């Protein structure tokens, strides 16, 4: 059962440690906030596509959020590194800060944004 939701993508589009899927969400009255979803350790996580240090998008190429080790999400602007499962910054100028989580759910091979 999926709560009130909106389809983001087919779950196969989000590969473990691979390219993420970009989408937009409404946040604080802004209907087009950039967000992204990635898969880490088998689970899909989603965040606003905005560094906790300064408001820039993280991906270094469209949908590319992971560093070369596939263990961290990395900000393309200044190299801040975030844990994919919590969004917590573990290295860089915003260490200790968090990405803004976006609630998603994977059901029957689809990934949904939960309202």
N, C-alpha and C. Protein backbone atom coordinates (compact mmCIF):
# COMPACT_ATOMS: atom_id res chain seq x y z
N UNK A 1 0.85 -1.19 0.00
CA UNK A 1 0.00 0.00 0.00
C UNK A 1 0.88 1.24 0.00
N UNK A 2 0.59 2.17 -0.88
CA UNK A 2 1.35 3.41 -0.98
C UNK A 2 0.49 4.54 -0.44
N UNK A 3 1.07 5.33 0.48
CA UNK A 3 0.36 6.50 1.02
C UNK A 3 0.16 7.49 -0.12
N UNK A 4 -0.52 8.61 0.17
CA UNK A 4 -0.70 9.65 -0.85
C UNK A 4 0.66 9.92 -1.48
N UNK A 5 0.73 9.74 -2.79
CA UNK A 5 2.05 9.76 -3.40
C UNK A 5 2.03 10.18 -4.86
N UNK A 6 3.25 10.35 -5.39
CA UNK A 6 3.45 10.67 -6.80
C UNK A 6 4.58 9.79 -7.32
N UNK A 7 4.38 9.18 -8.45
CA UNK A 7 5.39 8.33 -9.04
C UNK A 7 6.62 9.14 -9.42
N UNK A 8 7.80 8.67 -9.00
CA UNK A 8 9.06 9.31 -9.39
C UNK A 8 9.65 8.57 -10.58
N UNK A 9 9.77 7.23 -10.47
CA UNK A 9 10.40 6.46 -11.53
C UNK A 9 10.21 4.97 -11.30
N UNK A 10 10.60 4.20 -12.29
CA UNK A 10 10.69 2.76 -12.15
C UNK A 10 11.90 2.48 -11.27
N UNK A 11 11.79 1.56 -10.33
CA UNK A 11 12.87 1.27 -9.38
C UNK A 11 14.15 0.82 -10.08
N UNK A 12 14.04 0.22 -11.25
CA UNK A 12 15.23 -0.24 -11.99
C UNK A 12 16.11 0.92 -12.47
N UNK A 13 15.55 2.12 -12.50
CA UNK A 13 16.32 3.29 -12.93
C UNK A 13 17.34 3.73 -11.88
N UNK A 14 17.18 3.25 -10.65
CA UNK A 14 18.08 3.64 -9.57
C UNK A 14 18.92 2.43 -9.19
N UNK A 15 20.13 2.38 -9.73
CA UNK A 15 21.01 1.25 -9.47
C UNK A 15 21.85 1.50 -8.22
N UNK A 16 22.19 0.42 -7.55
CA UNK A 16 23.03 0.49 -6.35
C UNK A 16 24.31 1.28 -6.62
N UNK A 17 24.50 2.37 -5.88
CA UNK A 17 25.70 3.19 -6.01
C UNK A 17 25.88 3.84 -7.36
N UNK A 18 24.84 3.84 -8.17
CA UNK A 18 24.95 4.39 -9.52
C UNK A 18 24.28 5.74 -9.66
N UNK A 19 23.95 6.03 -10.89
CA UNK A 19 23.32 7.31 -11.21
C UNK A 19 22.00 7.45 -10.46
N UNK A 20 21.78 8.64 -9.92
CA UNK A 20 20.53 8.93 -9.24
C UNK A 20 19.50 9.47 -10.21
N UNK A 21 18.29 9.58 -9.73
CA UNK A 21 17.19 10.12 -10.52
C UNK A 21 16.83 11.48 -9.96
N UNK A 22 16.84 12.48 -10.82
CA UNK A 22 16.46 13.83 -10.43
C UNK A 22 14.95 14.01 -10.61
N UNK A 23 14.34 14.78 -9.71
CA UNK A 23 12.92 15.11 -9.81
C UNK A 23 12.71 16.42 -9.05
N UNK A 24 11.51 16.96 -9.08
CA UNK A 24 11.22 18.20 -8.35
C UNK A 24 10.13 17.95 -7.32
N UNK A 25 10.18 18.73 -6.26
CA UNK A 25 9.18 18.66 -5.20
C UNK A 25 8.73 20.07 -4.85
N UNK A 26 7.59 20.16 -4.19
CA UNK A 26 7.14 21.44 -3.67
C UNK A 26 7.65 21.55 -2.24
N UNK A 27 8.26 22.66 -1.93
CA UNK A 27 8.83 22.86 -0.59
C UNK A 27 8.73 24.33 -0.24
N UNK A 28 8.12 24.62 0.90
CA UNK A 28 8.00 26.01 1.37
C UNK A 28 7.38 26.92 0.33
N UNK A 29 6.36 26.44 -0.36
CA UNK A 29 5.66 27.25 -1.35
C UNK A 29 6.32 27.31 -2.71
N UNK A 30 7.50 26.74 -2.85
CA UNK A 30 8.19 26.71 -4.15
C UNK A 30 7.89 25.36 -4.81
N UNK A 31 7.16 25.36 -5.93
CA UNK A 31 6.74 24.10 -6.55
C UNK A 31 7.83 23.37 -7.33
N UNK A 32 9.00 23.95 -7.47
CA UNK A 32 10.01 23.30 -8.31
C UNK A 32 11.38 23.20 -7.64
N UNK A 33 11.39 22.69 -6.42
CA UNK A 33 12.65 22.46 -5.72
C UNK A 33 13.31 21.20 -6.29
N UNK A 34 14.57 21.27 -6.73
CA UNK A 34 15.24 20.08 -7.25
C UNK A 34 15.52 19.07 -6.14
N UNK A 35 15.30 17.81 -6.45
CA UNK A 35 15.55 16.71 -5.52
C UNK A 35 16.15 15.55 -6.30
N UNK A 36 16.61 14.53 -5.56
CA UNK A 36 17.17 13.36 -6.22
C UNK A 36 16.96 12.12 -5.34
N UNK A 37 16.99 10.98 -5.99
CA UNK A 37 16.90 9.69 -5.30
C UNK A 37 18.07 8.83 -5.74
N UNK A 38 18.67 8.11 -4.78
CA UNK A 38 19.76 7.19 -5.04
C UNK A 38 19.48 5.89 -4.29
N UNK A 39 20.19 4.84 -4.67
CA UNK A 39 20.09 3.56 -3.96
C UNK A 39 21.42 3.29 -3.26
N UNK A 40 21.33 2.92 -1.97
CA UNK A 40 22.51 2.59 -1.18
C UNK A 40 22.16 1.43 -0.27
N UNK A 41 22.97 0.37 -0.34
CA UNK A 41 22.75 -0.85 0.44
C UNK A 41 21.32 -1.36 0.25
N UNK A 42 20.85 -1.29 -1.00
CA UNK A 42 19.55 -1.84 -1.36
C UNK A 42 18.34 -0.97 -1.09
N UNK A 43 18.54 0.18 -0.48
CA UNK A 43 17.42 1.05 -0.10
C UNK A 43 17.49 2.35 -0.90
N UNK A 44 16.33 2.86 -1.29
CA UNK A 44 16.26 4.14 -2.00
C UNK A 44 16.12 5.25 -0.98
N UNK A 45 17.00 6.27 -1.12
CA UNK A 45 16.97 7.46 -0.28
C UNK A 45 16.82 8.66 -1.19
N UNK A 46 16.14 9.70 -0.69
CA UNK A 46 15.96 10.91 -1.50
C UNK A 46 16.18 12.15 -0.64
N UNK A 47 16.72 13.18 -1.30
CA UNK A 47 17.05 14.43 -0.62
C UNK A 47 16.80 15.59 -1.58
N UNK A 48 16.64 16.80 -0.99
CA UNK A 48 16.67 17.98 -1.84
C UNK A 48 18.06 18.05 -2.45
N UNK A 49 18.14 18.47 -3.69
CA UNK A 49 19.43 18.57 -4.37
C UNK A 49 20.03 19.94 -4.05
N UNK A 50 20.46 20.05 -2.78
CA UNK A 50 21.00 21.31 -2.30
C UNK A 50 22.02 21.01 -1.19
N UNK A 51 23.23 21.45 -1.40
CA UNK A 51 24.29 21.26 -0.41
C UNK A 51 23.90 21.95 0.89
N UNK A 52 24.31 21.36 2.01
CA UNK A 52 24.03 21.96 3.32
C UNK A 52 24.92 23.17 3.60
N UNK A 53 25.98 23.35 2.82
CA UNK A 53 26.91 24.46 3.02
C UNK A 53 26.42 25.73 2.33
N UNK A 54 26.23 25.64 1.03
CA UNK A 54 25.66 26.74 0.25
C UNK A 54 24.63 26.15 -0.69
N UNK A 55 23.62 26.89 -1.08
CA UNK A 55 22.51 26.31 -1.87
C UNK A 55 22.87 26.06 -3.34
N UNK A 56 23.74 25.06 -3.57
CA UNK A 56 24.07 24.63 -4.93
C UNK A 56 23.69 23.16 -5.07
N UNK A 57 23.42 22.73 -6.29
CA UNK A 57 23.09 21.33 -6.52
C UNK A 57 24.35 20.48 -6.38
N UNK A 58 24.17 19.26 -5.89
CA UNK A 58 25.30 18.39 -5.60
C UNK A 58 25.90 17.71 -6.82
N UNK A 59 25.09 17.22 -7.74
CA UNK A 59 25.60 16.34 -8.79
C UNK A 59 26.63 17.02 -9.69
N UNK A 60 27.73 16.27 -9.95
CA UNK A 60 28.83 16.79 -10.76
C UNK A 60 28.56 16.61 -12.25
N UNK A 61 27.63 15.75 -12.60
CA UNK A 61 27.04 15.60 -13.93
C UNK A 61 25.60 15.20 -13.64
N UNK A 62 24.67 15.40 -14.55
CA UNK A 62 23.27 15.09 -14.25
C UNK A 62 23.09 13.67 -13.69
N UNK A 63 22.62 13.60 -12.44
CA UNK A 63 22.36 12.32 -11.80
C UNK A 63 23.55 11.66 -11.14
N UNK A 64 24.72 12.27 -11.22
CA UNK A 64 25.93 11.68 -10.62
C UNK A 64 26.18 12.30 -9.24
N UNK A 65 25.85 11.55 -8.20
CA UNK A 65 25.94 12.04 -6.84
C UNK A 65 27.00 11.33 -6.01
N UNK A 66 27.33 10.09 -6.35
CA UNK A 66 28.29 9.32 -5.55
C UNK A 66 29.73 9.68 -5.89
N UNK A 67 30.60 9.55 -4.88
CA UNK A 67 32.03 9.69 -5.12
C UNK A 67 32.54 8.40 -5.78
N UNK A 68 33.83 8.32 -6.07
CA UNK A 68 34.36 7.15 -6.77
C UNK A 68 34.26 5.87 -5.95
N UNK A 69 34.25 5.98 -4.62
CA UNK A 69 34.13 4.78 -3.77
C UNK A 69 32.71 4.23 -3.71
N UNK A 70 31.74 5.03 -4.13
CA UNK A 70 30.31 4.69 -4.07
C UNK A 70 29.81 4.59 -2.62
N UNK A 71 30.54 5.19 -1.68
CA UNK A 71 30.16 5.15 -0.27
C UNK A 71 29.59 6.48 0.22
N UNK A 72 29.84 7.55 -0.54
CA UNK A 72 29.40 8.88 -0.12
C UNK A 72 28.76 9.63 -1.27
N UNK A 73 27.83 10.51 -0.92
CA UNK A 73 27.32 11.49 -1.86
C UNK A 73 28.28 12.67 -1.75
N UNK A 74 28.61 13.29 -2.87
CA UNK A 74 29.61 14.35 -2.84
C UNK A 74 29.09 15.60 -3.53
N UNK A 75 29.41 16.74 -2.95
CA UNK A 75 29.03 18.02 -3.55
C UNK A 75 30.08 18.38 -4.60
N UNK A 76 29.64 18.63 -5.80
CA UNK A 76 30.56 18.94 -6.89
C UNK A 76 31.26 20.28 -6.72
N UNK A 77 30.70 21.18 -5.91
CA UNK A 77 31.27 22.51 -5.77
C UNK A 77 32.49 22.53 -4.85
N UNK A 78 32.40 21.91 -3.68
CA UNK A 78 33.52 21.98 -2.74
C UNK A 78 33.86 20.66 -2.07
N UNK A 79 33.29 19.56 -2.55
CA UNK A 79 33.69 18.24 -2.08
C UNK A 79 33.13 17.79 -0.75
N UNK A 80 32.11 18.44 -0.21
CA UNK A 80 31.48 17.96 1.03
C UNK A 80 30.99 16.53 0.78
N UNK A 81 31.18 15.66 1.76
CA UNK A 81 30.80 14.26 1.61
C UNK A 81 29.70 13.91 2.61
N UNK A 82 28.64 13.28 2.08
CA UNK A 82 27.46 12.95 2.87
C UNK A 82 27.23 11.45 2.89
N UNK A 83 26.75 10.94 4.03
CA UNK A 83 26.35 9.54 4.11
C UNK A 83 25.05 9.37 3.33
N UNK A 84 25.00 8.42 2.42
CA UNK A 84 23.80 8.27 1.59
C UNK A 84 22.54 7.87 2.36
N UNK A 85 22.70 7.17 3.48
CA UNK A 85 21.53 6.67 4.20
C UNK A 85 20.96 7.67 5.21
N UNK A 86 21.74 8.69 5.58
CA UNK A 86 21.24 9.67 6.55
C UNK A 86 21.31 11.10 6.04
N UNK A 87 22.15 11.35 5.02
CA UNK A 87 22.34 12.71 4.52
C UNK A 87 23.26 13.53 5.39
N UNK A 88 23.88 12.92 6.39
CA UNK A 88 24.78 13.63 7.30
C UNK A 88 26.12 13.90 6.63
N UNK A 89 26.59 15.15 6.72
CA UNK A 89 27.88 15.53 6.16
C UNK A 89 28.99 15.06 7.10
N UNK A 90 29.92 14.27 6.55
CA UNK A 90 31.01 13.73 7.36
C UNK A 90 32.36 14.34 7.01
N UNK A 91 32.42 15.13 5.96
CA UNK A 91 33.67 15.79 5.58
C UNK A 91 33.35 17.02 4.75
N UNK A 92 34.12 18.09 4.98
CA UNK A 92 33.91 19.31 4.21
C UNK A 92 33.46 20.45 5.10
N UNK A 93 33.17 21.59 4.50
CA UNK A 93 32.86 22.81 5.27
C UNK A 93 31.54 22.74 6.05
N UNK A 94 30.68 21.79 5.74
CA UNK A 94 29.40 21.70 6.46
C UNK A 94 29.34 20.45 7.33
N UNK A 95 30.49 19.93 7.74
CA UNK A 95 30.55 18.71 8.55
C UNK A 95 29.60 18.82 9.74
N UNK A 96 28.79 17.77 9.92
CA UNK A 96 27.81 17.75 11.00
C UNK A 96 26.43 18.21 10.58
N UNK A 97 26.32 18.87 9.43
CA UNK A 97 25.01 19.31 8.92
C UNK A 97 24.39 18.17 8.11
N UNK A 98 23.15 18.33 7.72
CA UNK A 98 22.45 17.29 6.98
C UNK A 98 21.80 17.82 5.71
N UNK A 99 21.72 16.95 4.72
CA UNK A 99 20.87 17.21 3.57
C UNK A 99 19.43 17.13 4.04
N UNK A 100 18.51 17.76 3.30
CA UNK A 100 17.09 17.72 3.65
C UNK A 100 16.48 16.48 3.01
N UNK A 101 16.00 15.57 3.86
CA UNK A 101 15.42 14.31 3.40
C UNK A 101 14.08 14.55 2.72
N UNK A 102 13.83 13.80 1.67
CA UNK A 102 12.55 13.81 0.96
C UNK A 102 11.96 12.41 1.12
N UNK A 103 10.75 12.27 1.64
CA UNK A 103 10.19 10.93 1.89
C UNK A 103 9.80 10.22 0.60
N UNK A 104 10.35 9.02 0.43
CA UNK A 104 10.04 8.19 -0.72
C UNK A 104 9.75 6.77 -0.25
N UNK A 105 9.11 6.01 -1.13
CA UNK A 105 8.78 4.63 -0.83
C UNK A 105 8.89 3.81 -2.11
N UNK A 106 9.50 2.64 -2.00
CA UNK A 106 9.61 1.73 -3.13
C UNK A 106 8.57 0.62 -2.96
N UNK A 107 7.66 0.51 -3.94
CA UNK A 107 6.58 -0.47 -3.87
C UNK A 107 6.36 -1.06 -5.25
N UNK A 108 6.35 -2.38 -5.34
CA UNK A 108 6.04 -3.08 -6.59
C UNK A 108 6.87 -2.58 -7.78
N UNK A 109 8.16 -2.37 -7.55
CA UNK A 109 9.04 -1.99 -8.64
C UNK A 109 8.96 -0.53 -9.07
N UNK A 110 8.34 0.30 -8.25
CA UNK A 110 8.22 1.73 -8.54
C UNK A 110 8.69 2.52 -7.31
N UNK A 111 9.18 3.73 -7.55
CA UNK A 111 9.58 4.61 -6.46
C UNK A 111 8.62 5.80 -6.45
N UNK A 112 8.05 6.07 -5.27
CA UNK A 112 7.06 7.11 -5.13
C UNK A 112 7.52 8.17 -4.13
N UNK A 113 7.18 9.41 -4.43
CA UNK A 113 7.31 10.51 -3.49
C UNK A 113 6.11 10.44 -2.58
N UNK A 114 6.35 10.48 -1.26
CA UNK A 114 5.25 10.42 -0.29
C UNK A 114 4.90 11.84 0.13
N UNK A 115 3.64 12.18 -0.03
CA UNK A 115 3.16 13.53 0.35
C UNK A 115 2.93 13.62 1.83
